[in-house]
């Protein structure tokens, strides 16, 4: 599944257009590497998302929207 689609379906980011812009703007990294929206997400990947006031780290646990798609690793508030 594409990274931008995964972010939308997992509800980490609510709209796919916003997910695509975030990946193109270097706000999303996978396994500590900036990836394009077309990156193919795999189970076990660690995704880091830098929001305006917080940073979220999650581990991909499923690619099916009917399961819990990620496990929250950490969430930190930016100063």
PDB file of N, CA and C in Angstrom:
ATOM      1  N   UNK A   1       0.843  -1.172   0.000  1.00  0.00           N
ATOM      2  CA  UNK A   1       0.000   0.000   0.000  1.00  0.00           C
ATOM      3  C   UNK A   1       0.896   1.245   0.000  1.00  0.00           C
ATOM      4  N   UNK A   2       0.509   2.256  -0.761  1.00  0.00           N
ATOM      5  CA  UNK A   2       1.271   3.501  -0.820  1.00  0.00           C
ATOM      6  C   UNK A   2       1.285   4.199   0.543  1.00  0.00           C
ATOM      7  N   UNK A   3       2.355   4.918   0.821  1.00  0.00           N
ATOM      8  CA  UNK A   3       2.502   5.613   2.101  1.00  0.00           C
ATOM      9  C   UNK A   3       1.380   6.622   2.324  1.00  0.00           C
ATOM     10  N   UNK A   4       1.070   7.441   1.338  1.00  0.00           N
ATOM     11  CA  UNK A   4       0.015   8.443   1.529  1.00  0.00           C
ATOM     12  C   UNK A   4      -1.341   7.790   1.773  1.00  0.00           C
ATOM     13  N   UNK A   5      -1.635   6.698   1.083  1.00  0.00           N
ATOM     14  CA  UNK A   5      -2.896   5.982   1.283  1.00  0.00           C
ATOM     15  C   UNK A   5      -2.930   5.324   2.669  1.00  0.00           C
ATOM     16  N   UNK A   6      -1.796   4.761   3.116  1.00  0.00           N
ATOM     17  CA  UNK A   6      -1.728   4.149   4.438  1.00  0.00           C
ATOM     18  C   UNK A   6      -2.009   5.187   5.529  1.00  0.00           C
ATOM     19  N   UNK A   7      -1.401   6.357   5.414  1.00  0.00           N
ATOM     20  CA  UNK A   7      -1.598   7.398   6.421  1.00  0.00           C
ATOM     21  C   UNK A   7      -3.063   7.799   6.510  1.00  0.00           C
ATOM     22  N   UNK A   8      -3.748   7.840   5.379  1.00  0.00           N
ATOM     23  CA  UNK A   8      -5.158   8.188   5.364  1.00  0.00           C
ATOM     24  C   UNK A   8      -6.026   7.056   5.919  1.00  0.00           C
ATOM     25  N   UNK A   9      -5.806   5.831   5.455  1.00  0.00           N
ATOM     26  CA  UNK A   9      -6.648   4.716   5.899  1.00  0.00           C
ATOM     27  C   UNK A   9      -6.445   4.374   7.371  1.00  0.00           C
ATOM     28  N   UNK A  10      -5.250   4.598   7.889  1.00  0.00           N
ATOM     29  CA  UNK A  10      -4.999   4.318   9.301  1.00  0.00           C
ATOM     30  C   UNK A  10      -5.492   5.452  10.194  1.00  0.00           C
ATOM     31  N   UNK A  11      -5.929   6.559   9.577  1.00  0.00           N
ATOM     32  CA  UNK A  11      -6.437   7.742  10.265  1.00  0.00           C
ATOM     33  C   UNK A  11      -5.339   8.497  11.021  1.00  0.00           C
ATOM     34  N   UNK A  12      -4.084   8.263  10.670  1.00  0.00           N
ATOM     35  CA  UNK A  12      -2.999   9.064  11.235  1.00  0.00           C
ATOM     36  C   UNK A  12      -3.085  10.483  10.684  1.00  0.00           C
ATOM     37  N   UNK A  13      -3.485  10.597   9.413  1.00  0.00           N
ATOM     38  CA  UNK A  13      -3.764  11.877   8.771  1.00  0.00           C
ATOM     39  C   UNK A  13      -5.135  11.720   8.110  1.00  0.00           C
ATOM     40  N   UNK A  14      -6.002  12.700   8.310  1.00  0.00           N
ATOM     41  CA  UNK A  14      -7.411  12.506   7.941  1.00  0.00           C
ATOM     42  C   UNK A  14      -7.725  12.573   6.457  1.00  0.00           C
ATOM     43  N   UNK A  15      -6.917  13.290   5.668  1.00  0.00           N
ATOM     44  CA  UNK A  15      -7.193  13.394   4.238  1.00  0.00           C
ATOM     45  C   UNK A  15      -5.977  12.979   3.428  1.00  0.00           C
ATOM     46  N   UNK A  16      -6.208  12.297   2.314  1.00  0.00           N
ATOM     47  CA  UNK A  16      -5.102  11.793   1.498  1.00  0.00           C
ATOM     48  C   UNK A  16      -4.294  12.928   0.872  1.00  0.00           C
ATOM     49  N   UNK A  17      -4.955  14.013   0.509  1.00  0.00           N
ATOM     50  CA  UNK A  17      -4.232  15.149  -0.067  1.00  0.00           C
ATOM     51  C   UNK A  17      -3.245  15.706   0.957  1.00  0.00           C
ATOM     52  N   UNK A  18      -3.676  15.791   2.196  1.00  0.00           N
ATOM     53  CA  UNK A  18      -2.807  16.282   3.266  1.00  0.00           C
ATOM     54  C   UNK A  18      -1.672  15.285   3.508  1.00  0.00           C
ATOM     55  N   UNK A  19      -1.976  13.996   3.448  1.00  0.00           N
ATOM     56  CA  UNK A  19      -0.943  12.963   3.627  1.00  0.00           C
ATOM     57  C   UNK A  19       0.101  13.057   2.520  1.00  0.00           C
ATOM     58  N   UNK A  20      -0.347  13.281   1.298  1.00  0.00           N
ATOM     59  CA  UNK A  20       0.586  13.414   0.177  1.00  0.00           C
ATOM     60  C   UNK A  20       1.455  14.650   0.347  1.00  0.00           C
ATOM     61  N   UNK A  21       0.864  15.766   0.743  1.00  0.00           N
ATOM     62  CA  UNK A  21       1.630  16.997   0.964  1.00  0.00           C
ATOM     63  C   UNK A  21       2.631  16.828   2.097  1.00  0.00           C
ATOM     64  N   UNK A  22       2.255  16.117   3.148  1.00  0.00           N
ATOM     65  CA  UNK A  22       3.155  15.899   4.281  1.00  0.00           C
ATOM     66  C   UNK A  22       4.361  15.052   3.867  1.00  0.00           C
ATOM     67  N   UNK A  23       4.128  14.036   3.038  1.00  0.00           N
ATOM     68  CA  UNK A  23       5.249  13.197   2.599  1.00  0.00           C
ATOM     69  C   UNK A  23       6.138  13.945   1.619  1.00  0.00           C
ATOM     70  N   UNK A  24       5.553  14.768   0.773  1.00  0.00           N
ATOM     71  CA  UNK A  24       6.355  15.558  -0.165  1.00  0.00           C
ATOM     72  C   UNK A  24       7.116  16.672   0.557  1.00  0.00           C
ATOM     73  N   UNK A  25       6.593  17.126   1.695  1.00  0.00           N
ATOM     74  CA  UNK A  25       7.221  18.210   2.449  1.00  0.00           C
ATOM     75  C   UNK A  25       8.204  17.743   3.498  1.00  0.00           C
ATOM     76  N   UNK A  26       8.575  16.481   3.477  1.00  0.00           N
ATOM     77  CA  UNK A  26       9.566  15.913   4.400  1.00  0.00           C
ATOM     78  C   UNK A  26       9.118  15.920   5.863  1.00  0.00           C
ATOM     79  N   UNK A  27       7.815  15.817   6.096  1.00  0.00           N
ATOM     80  CA  UNK A  27       7.310  15.730   7.463  1.00  0.00           C
ATOM     81  C   UNK A  27       7.096  14.284   7.893  1.00  0.00           C
ATOM     82  N   UNK A  28       7.255  13.353   6.959  1.00  0.00           N
ATOM     83  CA  UNK A  28       7.050  11.930   7.240  1.00  0.00           C
ATOM     84  C   UNK A  28       8.301  11.162   6.845  1.00  0.00           C
ATOM     85  N   UNK A  29       8.767  10.302   7.760  1.00  0.00           N
ATOM     86  CA  UNK A  29       9.902   9.435   7.430  1.00  0.00           C
ATOM     87  C   UNK A  29       9.542   7.991   7.782  1.00  0.00           C
ATOM     88  N   UNK A  30      10.143   7.071   7.062  1.00  0.00           N
ATOM     89  CA  UNK A  30       9.929   5.645   7.292  1.00  0.00           C
ATOM     90  C   UNK A  30      11.296   5.035   7.577  1.00  0.00           C
ATOM     91  N   UNK A  31      11.418   4.388   8.728  1.00  0.00           N
ATOM     92  CA  UNK A  31      12.688   3.785   9.145  1.00  0.00           C
ATOM     93  C   UNK A  31      13.820   4.813   9.075  1.00  0.00           C
ATOM     94  N   UNK A  32      13.553   6.011   9.601  1.00  0.00           N
ATOM     95  CA  UNK A  32      14.514   7.124   9.674  1.00  0.00           C
ATOM     96  C   UNK A  32      14.992   7.610   8.318  1.00  0.00           C
ATOM     97  N   UNK A  33      14.184   7.444   7.279  1.00  0.00           N
ATOM     98  CA  UNK A  33      14.532   7.915   5.941  1.00  0.00           C
ATOM     99  C   UNK A  33      13.314   8.604   5.336  1.00  0.00           C
ATOM    100  N   UNK A  34      13.519   9.802   4.788  1.00  0.00           N
ATOM    101  CA  UNK A  34      12.427  10.509   4.120  1.00  0.00           C
ATOM    102  C   UNK A  34      12.025   9.709   2.879  1.00  0.00           C
ATOM    103  N   UNK A  35      10.717   9.432   2.754  1.00  0.00           N
ATOM    104  CA  UNK A  35      10.219   8.647   1.625  1.00  0.00           C
ATOM    105  C   UNK A  35       9.178   9.437   0.845  1.00  0.00           C
ATOM    106  N   UNK A  36       8.996   9.084  -0.410  1.00  0.00           N
ATOM    107  CA  UNK A  36       8.001   9.705  -1.280  1.00  0.00           C
ATOM    108  C   UNK A  36       6.612   9.135  -0.974  1.00  0.00           C
ATOM    109  N   UNK A  37       5.545   9.823  -1.421  1.00  0.00           N
ATOM    110  CA  UNK A  37       4.186   9.312  -1.200  1.00  0.00           C
ATOM    111  C   UNK A  37       3.959   7.928  -1.805  1.00  0.00           C
ATOM    112  N   UNK A  38       4.717   7.572  -2.822  1.00  0.00           N
ATOM    113  CA  UNK A  38       4.529   6.284  -3.502  1.00  0.00           C
ATOM    114  C   UNK A  38       5.265   5.125  -2.823  1.00  0.00           C
ATOM    115  N   UNK A  39       5.987   5.380  -1.728  1.00  0.00           N
ATOM    116  CA  UNK A  39       6.705   4.316  -1.015  1.00  0.00           C
ATOM    117  C   UNK A  39       5.719   3.224  -0.611  1.00  0.00           C
ATOM    118  N   UNK A  40       6.094   1.962  -0.813  1.00  0.00           N
ATOM    119  CA  UNK A  40       5.248   0.824  -0.448  1.00  0.00           C
ATOM    120  C   UNK A  40       5.483   0.457   1.013  1.00  0.00           C
ATOM    121  N   UNK A  41       4.474   0.690   1.847  1.00  0.00           N
ATOM    122  CA  UNK A  41       4.559   0.405   3.284  1.00  0.00           C
ATOM    123  C   UNK A  41       4.537  -1.094   3.506  1.00  0.00           C
ATOM    124  N   UNK A  42       5.374  -1.556   4.446  1.00  0.00           N
ATOM    125  CA  UNK A  42       5.441  -2.975   4.799  1.00  0.00           C
ATOM    126  C   UNK A  42       5.186  -3.133   6.297  1.00  0.00           C
ATOM    127  N   UNK A  43       4.674  -4.272   6.696  1.00  0.00           N
ATOM    128  CA  UNK A  43       4.481  -4.555   8.117  1.00  0.00           C
ATOM    129  C   UNK A  43       5.846  -4.536   8.793  1.00  0.00           C
ATOM    130  N   UNK A  44       5.924  -3.839   9.920  1.00  0.00           N
ATOM    131  CA  UNK A  44       7.172  -3.706  10.659  1.00  0.00           C
ATOM    132  C   UNK A  44       7.869  -2.374  10.434  1.00  0.00           C
ATOM    133  N   UNK A  45       7.447  -1.606   9.422  1.00  0.00           N
ATOM    134  CA  UNK A  45       8.034  -0.282   9.186  1.00  0.00           C
ATOM    135  C   UNK A  45       7.740   0.636  10.368  1.00  0.00           C
ATOM    136  N   UNK A  46       8.680   1.520  10.685  1.00  0.00           N
ATOM    137  CA  UNK A  46       8.497   2.543  11.708  1.00  0.00           C
ATOM    138  C   UNK A  46       8.280   3.870  10.987  1.00  0.00           C
ATOM    139  N   UNK A  47       7.128   4.480  11.212  1.00  0.00           N
ATOM    140  CA  UNK A  47       6.780   5.733  10.557  1.00  0.00           C
ATOM    141  C   UNK A  47       6.838   6.858  11.587  1.00  0.00           C
ATOM    142  N   UNK A  48       7.530   7.938  11.245  1.00  0.00           N
ATOM    143  CA  UNK A  48       7.617   9.125  12.091  1.00  0.00           C
ATOM    144  C   UNK A  48       6.924  10.274  11.368  1.00  0.00           C
ATOM    145  N   UNK A  49       5.977  10.907  12.059  1.00  0.00           N
ATOM    146  CA  UNK A  49       5.241  12.036  11.490  1.00  0.00           C
ATOM    147  C   UNK A  49       5.481  13.252  12.363  1.00  0.00           C
ATOM    148  N   UNK A  50       5.937  14.335  11.737  1.00  0.00           N
ATOM    149  CA  UNK A  50       6.171  15.589  12.453  1.00  0.00           C
ATOM    150  C   UNK A  50       4.992  16.515  12.195  1.00  0.00           C
ATOM    151  N   UNK A  51       4.104  16.618  13.186  1.00  0.00           N
ATOM    152  CA  UNK A  51       2.994  17.553  13.122  1.00  0.00           C
ATOM    153  C   UNK A  51       3.486  18.909  13.615  1.00  0.00           C
ATOM    154  N   UNK A  52       2.606  19.899  13.624  1.00  0.00           N
ATOM    155  CA  UNK A  52       2.983  21.245  14.034  1.00  0.00           C
ATOM    156  C   UNK A  52       3.517  21.276  15.463  1.00  0.00           C
ATOM    157  N   UNK A  53       2.811  20.642  16.397  1.00  0.00           N
ATOM    158  CA  UNK A  53       3.194  20.726  17.810  1.00  0.00           C
ATOM    159  C   UNK A  53       3.606  19.402  18.427  1.00  0.00           C
ATOM    160  N   UNK A  54       3.635  18.330  17.645  1.00  0.00           N
ATOM    161  CA  UNK A  54       4.053  17.040  18.208  1.00  0.00           C
ATOM    162  C   UNK A  54       4.661  16.154  17.131  1.00  0.00           C
ATOM    163  N   UNK A  55       5.398  15.162  17.584  1.00  0.00           N
ATOM    164  CA  UNK A  55       5.987  14.156  16.708  1.00  0.00           C
ATOM    165  C   UNK A  55       5.476  12.797  17.163  1.00  0.00           C
ATOM    166  N   UNK A  56       5.021  11.992  16.212  1.00  0.00           N
ATOM    167  CA  UNK A  56       4.445  10.683  16.514  1.00  0.00           C
ATOM    168  C   UNK A  56       5.260   9.601  15.813  1.00  0.00           C
ATOM    169  N   UNK A  57       5.610   8.545  16.547  1.00  0.00           N
ATOM    170  CA  UNK A  57       6.289   7.370  15.997  1.00  0.00           C
ATOM    171  C   UNK A  57       5.349   6.178  16.127  1.00  0.00           C
ATOM    172  N   UNK A  58       5.110   5.484  15.011  1.00  0.00           N
ATOM    173  CA  UNK A  58       4.238   4.309  15.028  1.00  0.00           C
ATOM    174  C   UNK A  58       4.914   3.162  14.281  1.00  0.00           C
ATOM    175  N   UNK A  59       4.516   1.940  14.648  1.00  0.00           N
ATOM    176  CA  UNK A  59       4.995   0.732  13.964  1.00  0.00           C
ATOM    177  C   UNK A  59       3.819   0.146  13.196  1.00  0.00           C
ATOM    178  N   UNK A  60       4.013  -0.140  11.920  1.00  0.00           N
ATOM    179  CA  UNK A  60       2.967  -0.706  11.077  1.00  0.00           C
ATOM    180  C   UNK A  60       2.715  -2.151  11.507  1.00  0.00           C
ATOM    181  N   UNK A  61       1.456  -2.459  11.850  1.00  0.00           N
ATOM    182  CA  UNK A  61       1.110  -3.816  12.284  1.00  0.00           C
ATOM    183  C   UNK A  61       0.176  -4.523  11.300  1.00  0.00           C
ATOM    184  N   UNK A  62      -0.484  -3.744  10.424  1.00  0.00           N
ATOM    185  CA  UNK A  62      -1.415  -4.338   9.468  1.00  0.00           C
ATOM    186  C   UNK A  62      -1.586  -3.401   8.282  1.00  0.00           C
ATOM    187  N   UNK A  63      -1.928  -3.960   7.142  1.00  0.00           N
ATOM    188  CA  UNK A  63      -2.223  -3.160   5.963  1.00  0.00           C
ATOM    189  C   UNK A  63      -3.710  -3.204   5.631  1.00  0.00           C
ATOM    190  N   UNK A  64      -4.501  -3.820   6.496  1.00  0.00           N
ATOM    191  CA  UNK A  64      -5.941  -3.925   6.309  1.00  0.00           C
ATOM    192  C   UNK A  64      -6.643  -2.892   7.185  1.00  0.00           C
ATOM    193  N   UNK A  65      -7.545  -2.128   6.600  1.00  0.00           N
ATOM    194  CA  UNK A  65      -8.231  -1.098   7.365  1.00  0.00           C
ATOM    195  C   UNK A  65      -9.224  -1.679   8.369  1.00  0.00           C
ATOM    196  N   UNK A  66      -9.441  -2.980   8.346  1.00  0.00           N
ATOM    197  CA  UNK A  66     -10.367  -3.607   9.280  1.00  0.00           C
ATOM    198  C   UNK A  66      -9.679  -4.045  10.567  1.00  0.00           C
ATOM    199  N   UNK A  67      -8.352  -3.930  10.619  1.00  0.00           N
ATOM    200  CA  UNK A  67      -7.579  -4.248  11.817  1.00  0.00           C
ATOM    201  C   UNK A  67      -6.985  -2.951  12.346  1.00  0.00           C
ATOM    202  N   UNK A  68      -6.433  -3.017  13.557  1.00  0.00           N
ATOM    203  CA  UNK A  68      -5.658  -1.895  14.058  1.00  0.00           C
ATOM    204  C   UNK A  68      -4.397  -1.848  13.212  1.00  0.00           C
ATOM    205  N   UNK A  69      -4.179  -0.761  12.496  1.00  0.00           N
ATOM    206  CA  UNK A  69      -3.140  -0.708  11.474  1.00  0.00           C
ATOM    207  C   UNK A  69      -1.767  -0.330  12.010  1.00  0.00           C
ATOM    208  N   UNK A  70      -1.697   0.175  13.250  1.00  0.00           N
ATOM    209  CA  UNK A  70      -0.407   0.589  13.784  1.00  0.00           C
ATOM    210  C   UNK A  70      -0.380   0.475  15.302  1.00  0.00           C
ATOM    211  N   UNK A  71       0.831   0.461  15.837  1.00  0.00           N
ATOM    212  CA  UNK A  71       1.063   0.460  17.270  1.00  0.00           C
ATOM    213  C   UNK A  71       1.816   1.746  17.599  1.00  0.00           C
ATOM    214  N   UNK A  72       1.308   2.527  18.530  1.00  0.00           N
ATOM    215  CA  UNK A  72       1.954   3.772  18.915  1.00  0.00           C
ATOM    216  C   UNK A  72       3.227   3.472  19.701  1.00  0.00           C
ATOM    217  N   UNK A  73       4.363   3.961  19.218  1.00  0.00           N
ATOM    218  CA  UNK A  73       5.633   3.761  19.901  1.00  0.00           C
ATOM    219  C   UNK A  73       5.911   4.930  20.834  1.00  0.00           C
ATOM    220  N   UNK A  74       5.793   6.158  20.307  1.00  0.00           N
ATOM    221  CA  UNK A  74       6.009   7.333  21.153  1.00  0.00           C
ATOM    222  C   UNK A  74       5.311   8.535  20.551  1.00  0.00           C
ATOM    223  N   UNK A  75       5.055   9.500  21.436  1.00  0.00           N
ATOM    224  CA  UNK A  75       4.458  10.752  21.030  1.00  0.00           C
ATOM    225  C   UNK A  75       5.103  11.835  21.874  1.00  0.00           C
ATOM    226  N   UNK A  76       5.749  12.796  21.236  1.00  0.00           N
ATOM    227  CA  UNK A  76       6.423  13.860  21.978  1.00  0.00           C
ATOM    228  C   UNK A  76       5.935  15.208  21.498  1.00  0.00           C
ATOM    229  N   UNK A  77       5.846  16.130  22.419  1.00  0.00           N
ATOM    230  CA  UNK A  77       5.400  17.495  22.087  1.00  0.00           C
ATOM    231  C   UNK A  77       6.599  18.356  21.795  1.00  0.00           C
ATOM    232  N   UNK A  78       6.519  19.092  20.675  1.00  0.00           N
ATOM    233  CA  UNK A  78       7.601  19.967  20.275  1.00  0.00           C
ATOM    234  C   UNK A  78       7.502  21.299  21.012  1.00  0.00           C
ATOM    235  N   UNK A  79       8.638  21.865  21.298  1.00  0.00           N
ATOM    236  CA  UNK A  79       8.653  23.157  22.014  1.00  0.00           C
ATOM    237  C   UNK A  79       8.457  24.308  21.063  1.00  0.00           C
TER     238      UNK A  79
END
